[in-house]
Amino acid sequence: MRARSARFVTSAADPAGFPPPDLPEVAFAGRSNVGKSSLINALCGAANLAKTSRTPGRTRLLNWFRVAPPKGEPLHFVDLPGYGYARVPRAVRQGWRPLVEGYLRDRSALRGVVVLVDARRGPEEDERDLLAWLAELGVPARAVLTKADKLAKSKRKPAALAAQRALGLPAVPALFSAHTRDGADDVWRLLTSLVRQGPRQ
């Protein structure tokens, strides 16, 4: 499955630049170069909708995309700045945190966050810290293991189960490959489950 349509809406460096909260939003978070942009592009069937980069920390803004899913009403995908960049000065990274925290804490349209984990590395301290932070903020979260094609088929399900245990998640993470598009249907089901939860209380 892929989106019926998708387009870029806006980028924002502060809350004044956020678009009106008139559509449900699902945000994507993950370590630098985990494949967030590639995942968004693959789900939307557009090669360059979300800009990809080999330079860690390139995404310094919140980026909105209006997406018509395979079924159902439109929603916004929100691409959050990555984390864990060795090449980005600490002061700059710290400057992004208030922007992201404010969005996660206060955005009424936000239905949940999809945390991306490199299937080859598995979850590390950054991912555990992020999920704990989301729990503190009351933000629902799901996980997707990216670059699944880099693992032997026999190792994929064990990797997903190990990630579920390590992260303390109620659901097994979806396995996804932007290269082969394997797992796209599972990711769409995951997104649908977040949107159907409705607004946070």
C-alpha atoms as a PDB file:
ATOM      1  CA  MET A   1       0.000   0.000   0.000  1.00  0.00           C
ATOM      2  CA  ARG A   2       1.012   3.585  -0.560  1.00  0.00           C
ATOM      3  CA  ALA A   3      -0.573   6.998  -0.097  1.00  0.00           C
ATOM      4  CA  ARG A   4      -3.159   8.145  -2.627  1.00  0.00           C
ATOM      5  CA  SER A   5      -1.501  11.562  -2.606  1.00  0.00           C
ATOM      6  CA  ALA A   6       1.108  13.454  -0.627  1.00  0.00           C
ATOM      7  CA  ARG A   7       2.584  16.929  -0.642  1.00  0.00           C
ATOM      8  CA  PHE A   8       4.956  19.045   1.416  1.00  0.00           C
ATOM      9  CA  VAL A   9       3.169  21.628   3.586  1.00  0.00           C
ATOM     10  CA  THR A  10       5.743  23.623   5.535  1.00  0.00           C
ATOM     11  CA  SER A  11       8.864  23.634   7.703  1.00  0.00           C
ATOM     12  CA  ALA A  12       8.982  25.356  11.070  1.00  0.00           C
ATOM     13  CA  ALA A  13      11.770  26.464  13.387  1.00  0.00           C
ATOM     14  CA  ASP A  14       9.379  27.703  16.086  1.00  0.00           C
ATOM     15  CA  PRO A  15       5.727  27.231  17.086  1.00  0.00           C
ATOM     16  CA  ALA A  16       4.689  30.379  15.223  1.00  0.00           C
ATOM     17  CA  GLY A  17       5.455  28.526  12.012  1.00  0.00           C
ATOM     18  CA  PHE A  18       3.360  25.439  12.794  1.00  0.00           C
ATOM     19  CA  PRO A  19       0.386  24.934  10.464  1.00  0.00           C
ATOM     20  CA  PRO A  20      -3.161  24.970  11.894  1.00  0.00           C
ATOM     21  CA  PRO A  21      -3.891  21.746  13.836  1.00  0.00           C
ATOM     22  CA  ASP A  22      -6.778  20.835  11.545  1.00  0.00           C
ATOM     23  CA  LEU A  23      -5.645  17.300  10.645  1.00  0.00           C
ATOM     24  CA  PRO A  24      -4.475  14.423  12.847  1.00  0.00           C
ATOM     25  CA  GLU A  25      -0.689  14.223  12.971  1.00  0.00           C
ATOM     26  CA  VAL A  26       1.745  11.342  13.321  1.00  0.00           C
ATOM     27  CA  ALA A  27       5.357  12.300  13.999  1.00  0.00           C
ATOM     28  CA  PHE A  28       8.437  10.300  13.020  1.00  0.00           C
ATOM     29  CA  ALA A  29      11.490  10.277  15.286  1.00  0.00           C
ATOM     30  CA  GLY A  30      14.769   8.427  15.164  1.00  0.00           C
ATOM     31  CA  ARG A  31      18.511   8.479  15.210  1.00  0.00           C
ATOM     32  CA  SER A  32      20.249  10.456  12.500  1.00  0.00           C
ATOM     33  CA  ASN A  33      20.302   8.533   9.205  1.00  0.00           C
ATOM     34  CA  VAL A  34      17.999   5.779  10.487  1.00  0.00           C
ATOM     35  CA  GLY A  35      15.908   6.269   7.360  1.00  0.00           C
ATOM     36  CA  LYS A  36      13.079   8.614   8.392  1.00  0.00           C
ATOM     37  CA  SER A  37      12.986  10.466   5.098  1.00  0.00           C
ATOM     38  CA  SER A  38      13.280   7.229   3.127  1.00  0.00           C
ATOM     39  CA  LEU A  39      10.367   5.733   5.081  1.00  0.00           C
ATOM     40  CA  ILE A  40       8.160   8.766   4.454  1.00  0.00           C
ATOM     41  CA  ASN A  41       9.065   8.785   0.759  1.00  0.00           C
ATOM     42  CA  ALA A  42       8.354   5.066   0.386  1.00  0.00           C
ATOM     43  CA  LEU A  43       4.992   5.252   2.152  1.00  0.00           C
ATOM     44  CA  CYS A  44       3.999   8.189  -0.028  1.00  0.00           C
ATOM     45  CA  GLY A  45       5.333   6.765  -3.294  1.00  0.00           C
ATOM     46  CA  ALA A  46       7.414   9.902  -3.893  1.00  0.00           C
ATOM     47  CA  ALA A  47      11.174   9.678  -4.278  1.00  0.00           C
ATOM     48  CA  ASN A  48      12.030  13.178  -3.055  1.00  0.00           C
ATOM     49  CA  LEU A  49       9.082  14.322  -0.955  1.00  0.00           C
ATOM     50  CA  ALA A  50      11.148  14.253   2.232  1.00  0.00           C
ATOM     51  CA  LYS A  51      14.735  15.259   1.582  1.00  0.00           C
ATOM     52  CA  THR A  52      17.333  12.621   2.384  1.00  0.00           C
ATOM     53  CA  SER A  53      20.912  13.421   3.326  1.00  0.00           C
ATOM     54  CA  ARG A  54      24.119  11.605   4.111  1.00  0.00           C
ATOM     55  CA  THR A  55      25.050  14.414   6.505  1.00  0.00           C
ATOM     56  CA  PRO A  56      23.922  13.610  10.068  1.00  0.00           C
ATOM     57  CA  GLY A  57      21.736  16.278  11.613  1.00  0.00           C
ATOM     58  CA  ARG A  58      20.658  17.864   8.326  1.00  0.00           C
ATOM     59  CA  THR A  59      17.001  18.018   9.396  1.00  0.00           C
ATOM     60  CA  ARG A  60      16.928  20.904  11.876  1.00  0.00           C
ATOM     61  CA  LEU A  61      13.284  21.850  11.435  1.00  0.00           C
ATOM     62  CA  LEU A  62       9.921  20.208  11.918  1.00  0.00           C
ATOM     63  CA  ASN A  63       8.595  19.303   8.474  1.00  0.00           C
ATOM     64  CA  TRP A  64       4.897  18.728   7.687  1.00  0.00           C
ATOM     65  CA  PHE A  65       3.498  16.628   4.831  1.00  0.00           C
ATOM     66  CA  ARG A  66      -0.195  16.316   3.963  1.00  0.00           C
ATOM     67  CA  VAL A  67      -0.906  12.674   3.169  1.00  0.00           C
ATOM     68  CA  ALA A  68      -4.012  10.907   1.889  1.00  0.00           C
ATOM     69  CA  PRO A  69      -3.501   7.322   3.147  1.00  0.00           C
ATOM     70  CA  PRO A  70      -4.517   4.224   1.158  1.00  0.00           C
ATOM     71  CA  LYS A  71      -7.807   4.281   3.087  1.00  0.00           C
ATOM     72  CA  GLY A  72      -9.385   6.891   5.283  1.00  0.00           C
ATOM     73  CA  GLU A  73      -9.129  10.619   5.811  1.00  0.00           C
ATOM     74  CA  PRO A  74      -6.028  12.801   5.237  1.00  0.00           C
ATOM     75  CA  LEU A  75      -3.458  13.326   7.961  1.00  0.00           C
ATOM     76  CA  HIS A  76      -0.154  15.076   8.471  1.00  0.00           C
ATOM     77  CA  PHE A  77       3.195  13.309   8.690  1.00  0.00           C
ATOM     78  CA  VAL A  78       5.649  15.330  10.784  1.00  0.00           C
ATOM     79  CA  ASP A  79       9.367  14.669  10.333  1.00  0.00           C
ATOM     80  CA  LEU A  80      11.179  15.551  13.576  1.00  0.00           C
ATOM     81  CA  PRO A  81      14.890  16.413  13.819  1.00  0.00           C
ATOM     82  CA  GLY A  82      16.983  13.293  14.357  1.00  0.00           C
ATOM     83  CA  TYR A  83      19.178  12.633  17.357  1.00  0.00           C
ATOM     84  CA  GLY A  84      22.554  11.107  18.135  1.00  0.00           C
ATOM     85  CA  TYR A  85      24.604  13.200  15.724  1.00  0.00           C
ATOM     86  CA  ALA A  86      28.317  13.176  16.490  1.00  0.00           C
ATOM     87  CA  ARG A  87      28.969  15.958  13.953  1.00  0.00           C
ATOM     88  CA  VAL A  88      26.463  18.486  15.272  1.00  0.00           C
ATOM     89  CA  PRO A  89      27.618  20.783  18.103  1.00  0.00           C
ATOM     90  CA  ARG A  90      26.005  20.000  21.445  1.00  0.00           C
ATOM     91  CA  ALA A  91      24.737  23.573  21.803  1.00  0.00           C
ATOM     92  CA  VAL A  92      22.850  23.246  18.521  1.00  0.00           C
ATOM     93  CA  ARG A  93      21.345  19.909  19.538  1.00  0.00           C
ATOM     94  CA  GLN A  94      20.220  21.396  22.848  1.00  0.00           C
ATOM     95  CA  GLY A  95      18.589  24.238  20.921  1.00  0.00           C
ATOM     96  CA  TRP A  96      16.350  21.776  19.082  1.00  0.00           C
ATOM     97  CA  ARG A  97      15.071  20.110  22.235  1.00  0.00           C
ATOM     98  CA  PRO A  98      12.721  22.916  23.387  1.00  0.00           C
ATOM     99  CA  LEU A  99      11.181  23.059  19.905  1.00  0.00           C
ATOM    100  CA  VAL A 100      10.552  19.314  19.775  1.00  0.00           C
ATOM    101  CA  GLU A 101       9.479  19.090  23.416  1.00  0.00           C
ATOM    102  CA  GLY A 102       7.013  21.937  22.978  1.00  0.00           C
ATOM    103  CA  TYR A 103       5.551  20.260  19.912  1.00  0.00           C
ATOM    104  CA  LEU A 104       5.205  16.876  21.611  1.00  0.00           C
ATOM    105  CA  ARG A 105       3.762  18.334  24.808  1.00  0.00           C
ATOM    106  CA  ASP A 106       1.331  20.895  23.415  1.00  0.00           C
ATOM    107  CA  ARG A 107       0.303  19.921  19.889  1.00  0.00           C
ATOM    108  CA  SER A 108      -3.396  19.080  20.045  1.00  0.00           C
ATOM    109  CA  ALA A 109      -3.388  17.372  16.632  1.00  0.00           C
ATOM    110  CA  LEU A 110      -0.628  14.905  17.559  1.00  0.00           C
ATOM    111  CA  ARG A 111      -1.898  11.330  17.769  1.00  0.00           C
ATOM    112  CA  GLY A 112       1.420   9.604  18.387  1.00  0.00           C
ATOM    113  CA  VAL A 113       5.070   9.158  17.496  1.00  0.00           C
ATOM    114  CA  VAL A 114       6.657   6.435  15.409  1.00  0.00           C
ATOM    115  CA  VAL A 115      10.167   5.729  16.707  1.00  0.00           C
ATOM    116  CA  LEU A 116      12.483   4.350  14.039  1.00  0.00           C
ATOM    117  CA  VAL A 117      15.258   1.919  14.964  1.00  0.00           C
ATOM    118  CA  ASP A 118      17.957   0.549  12.656  1.00  0.00           C
ATOM    119  CA  ALA A 119      17.257  -3.190  12.506  1.00  0.00           C
ATOM    120  CA  ARG A 120      20.989  -3.942  12.321  1.00  0.00           C
ATOM    121  CA  ARG A 121      21.819  -2.098  15.535  1.00  0.00           C
ATOM    122  CA  GLY A 122      18.679  -2.658  17.529  1.00  0.00           C
ATOM    123  CA  PRO A 123      17.481  -0.205  20.189  1.00  0.00           C
ATOM    124  CA  GLU A 124      20.087   1.610  22.233  1.00  0.00           C
ATOM    125  CA  GLU A 125      20.022   4.045  25.133  1.00  0.00           C
ATOM    126  CA  ASP A 126      18.821   6.918  22.927  1.00  0.00           C
ATOM    127  CA  GLU A 127      15.725   4.966  21.875  1.00  0.00           C
ATOM    128  CA  ARG A 128      14.956   3.876  25.434  1.00  0.00           C
ATOM    129  CA  ASP A 129      15.346   7.458  26.653  1.00  0.00           C
ATOM    130  CA  LEU A 130      13.105   8.767  23.878  1.00  0.00           C
ATOM    131  CA  LEU A 131      10.322   6.303  24.673  1.00  0.00           C
ATOM    132  CA  ALA A 132      10.571   7.121  28.386  1.00  0.00           C
ATOM    133  CA  TRP A 133      10.346  10.820  27.530  1.00  0.00           C
ATOM    134  CA  LEU A 134       7.281  10.242  25.342  1.00  0.00           C
ATOM    135  CA  ALA A 135       5.657   8.275  28.157  1.00  0.00           C
ATOM    136  CA  GLU A 136       6.291  11.185  30.555  1.00  0.00           C
ATOM    137  CA  LEU A 137       4.627  13.534  28.072  1.00  0.00           C
ATOM    138  CA  GLY A 138       1.688  11.174  27.607  1.00  0.00           C
ATOM    139  CA  VAL A 139       2.389  10.675  23.907  1.00  0.00           C
ATOM    140  CA  PRO A 140       1.485   7.247  22.429  1.00  0.00           C
ATOM    141  CA  ALA A 141       4.409   5.594  20.642  1.00  0.00           C
ATOM    142  CA  ARG A 142       5.044   2.738  18.246  1.00  0.00           C
ATOM    143  CA  ALA A 143       8.306   1.424  16.780  1.00  0.00           C
ATOM    144  CA  VAL A 144       9.488   0.468  13.300  1.00  0.00           C
ATOM    145  CA  LEU A 145      12.714  -1.384  12.542  1.00  0.00           C
ATOM    146  CA  THR A 146      14.146   0.129   9.364  1.00  0.00           C
ATOM    147  CA  LYS A 147      16.626  -1.326   6.861  1.00  0.00           C
ATOM    148  CA  ALA A 148      15.181  -4.787   7.471  1.00  0.00           C
ATOM    149  CA  ASP A 149      16.525  -5.960   4.108  1.00  0.00           C
ATOM    150  CA  LYS A 150      20.019  -5.723   5.609  1.00  0.00           C
ATOM    151  CA  LEU A 151      19.160  -8.622   7.932  1.00  0.00           C
ATOM    152  CA  ALA A 152      18.850 -12.234   6.849  1.00  0.00           C
ATOM    153  CA  LYS A 153      15.186 -13.239   6.715  1.00  0.00           C
ATOM    154  CA  SER A 154      15.731 -15.731   9.525  1.00  0.00           C
ATOM    155  CA  LYS A 155      16.936 -12.917  11.808  1.00  0.00           C
ATOM    156  CA  ARG A 156      14.163 -10.384  11.204  1.00  0.00           C
ATOM    157  CA  LYS A 157      11.439 -11.688  13.495  1.00  0.00           C
ATOM    158  CA  PRO A 158      13.895 -12.390  16.350  1.00  0.00           C
ATOM    159  CA  ALA A 159      15.206  -8.823  15.952  1.00  0.00           C
ATOM    160  CA  ALA A 160      11.676  -7.415  16.208  1.00  0.00           C
ATOM    161  CA  LEU A 161      10.894  -9.492  19.304  1.00  0.00           C
ATOM    162  CA  ALA A 162      14.188  -8.478  20.917  1.00  0.00           C
ATOM    163  CA  ALA A 163      13.410  -4.803  20.225  1.00  0.00           C
ATOM    164  CA  GLN A 164       9.963  -5.182  21.761  1.00  0.00           C
ATOM    165  CA  ARG A 165      11.489  -6.600  24.948  1.00  0.00           C
ATOM    166  CA  ALA A 166      14.275  -4.021  25.096  1.00  0.00           C
ATOM    167  CA  LEU A 167      11.881  -1.107  24.664  1.00  0.00           C
ATOM    168  CA  GLY A 168       9.062  -2.504  26.800  1.00  0.00           C
ATOM    169  CA  LEU A 169       6.510  -2.055  24.031  1.00  0.00           C
ATOM    170  CA  PRO A 170       3.059  -3.667  24.073  1.00  0.00           C
ATOM    171  CA  ALA A 171       3.243  -4.397  20.329  1.00  0.00           C
ATOM    172  CA  VAL A 172       5.980  -5.988  18.232  1.00  0.00           C
ATOM    173  CA  PRO A 173       7.704  -3.334  16.073  1.00  0.00           C
ATOM    174  CA  ALA A 174       6.996  -3.399  12.355  1.00  0.00           C
ATOM    175  CA  LEU A 175       9.855  -4.423  10.060  1.00  0.00           C
ATOM    176  CA  PHE A 176      10.380  -2.166   7.045  1.00  0.00           C
ATOM    177  CA  SER A 177      12.712  -1.803   4.079  1.00  0.00           C
ATOM    178  CA  ALA A 178      12.645   1.376   1.994  1.00  0.00           C
ATOM    179  CA  HIS A 179      14.697  -0.477  -0.621  1.00  0.00           C
ATOM    180  CA  THR A 180      12.202  -3.308  -1.205  1.00  0.00           C
ATOM    181  CA  ARG A 181       9.111  -1.659   0.388  1.00  0.00           C
ATOM    182  CA  ASP A 182       8.591  -4.856   2.394  1.00  0.00           C
ATOM    183  CA  GLY A 183       6.582  -4.071   5.502  1.00  0.00           C
ATOM    184  CA  ALA A 184       4.789  -0.997   4.116  1.00  0.00           C
ATOM    185  CA  ASP A 185       1.367  -2.504   4.834  1.00  0.00           C
ATOM    186  CA  ASP A 186       2.374  -3.199   8.446  1.00  0.00           C
ATOM    187  CA  VAL A 187       3.536   0.387   8.893  1.00  0.00           C
ATOM    188  CA  TRP A 188       0.278   1.750   7.474  1.00  0.00           C
ATOM    189  CA  ARG A 189      -1.673  -0.429   9.928  1.00  0.00           C
ATOM    190  CA  LEU A 190       0.477   0.929  12.744  1.00  0.00           C
ATOM    191  CA  LEU A 191      -0.209   4.518  11.647  1.00  0.00           C
ATOM    192  CA  THR A 192      -3.928   3.823  11.396  1.00  0.00           C
ATOM    193  CA  SER A 193      -3.968   2.463  14.945  1.00  0.00           C
ATOM    194  CA  LEU A 194      -2.414   5.692  16.228  1.00  0.00           C
ATOM    195  CA  VAL A 195      -4.825   7.954  14.359  1.00  0.00           C
ATOM    196  CA  ARG A 196      -7.859   5.973  15.527  1.00  0.00           C
ATOM    197  CA  GLN A 197      -6.945   6.588  19.159  1.00  0.00           C
ATOM    198  CA  GLY A 198      -8.197  10.134  18.769  1.00  0.00           C
ATOM    199  CA  PRO A 199      -6.912  13.239  20.559  1.00  0.00           C
ATOM    200  CA  ARG A 200      -4.954  12.932  23.776  1.00  0.00           C
ATOM    201  CA  GLN A 201      -6.851  13.754  26.932  1.00  0.00           C
END
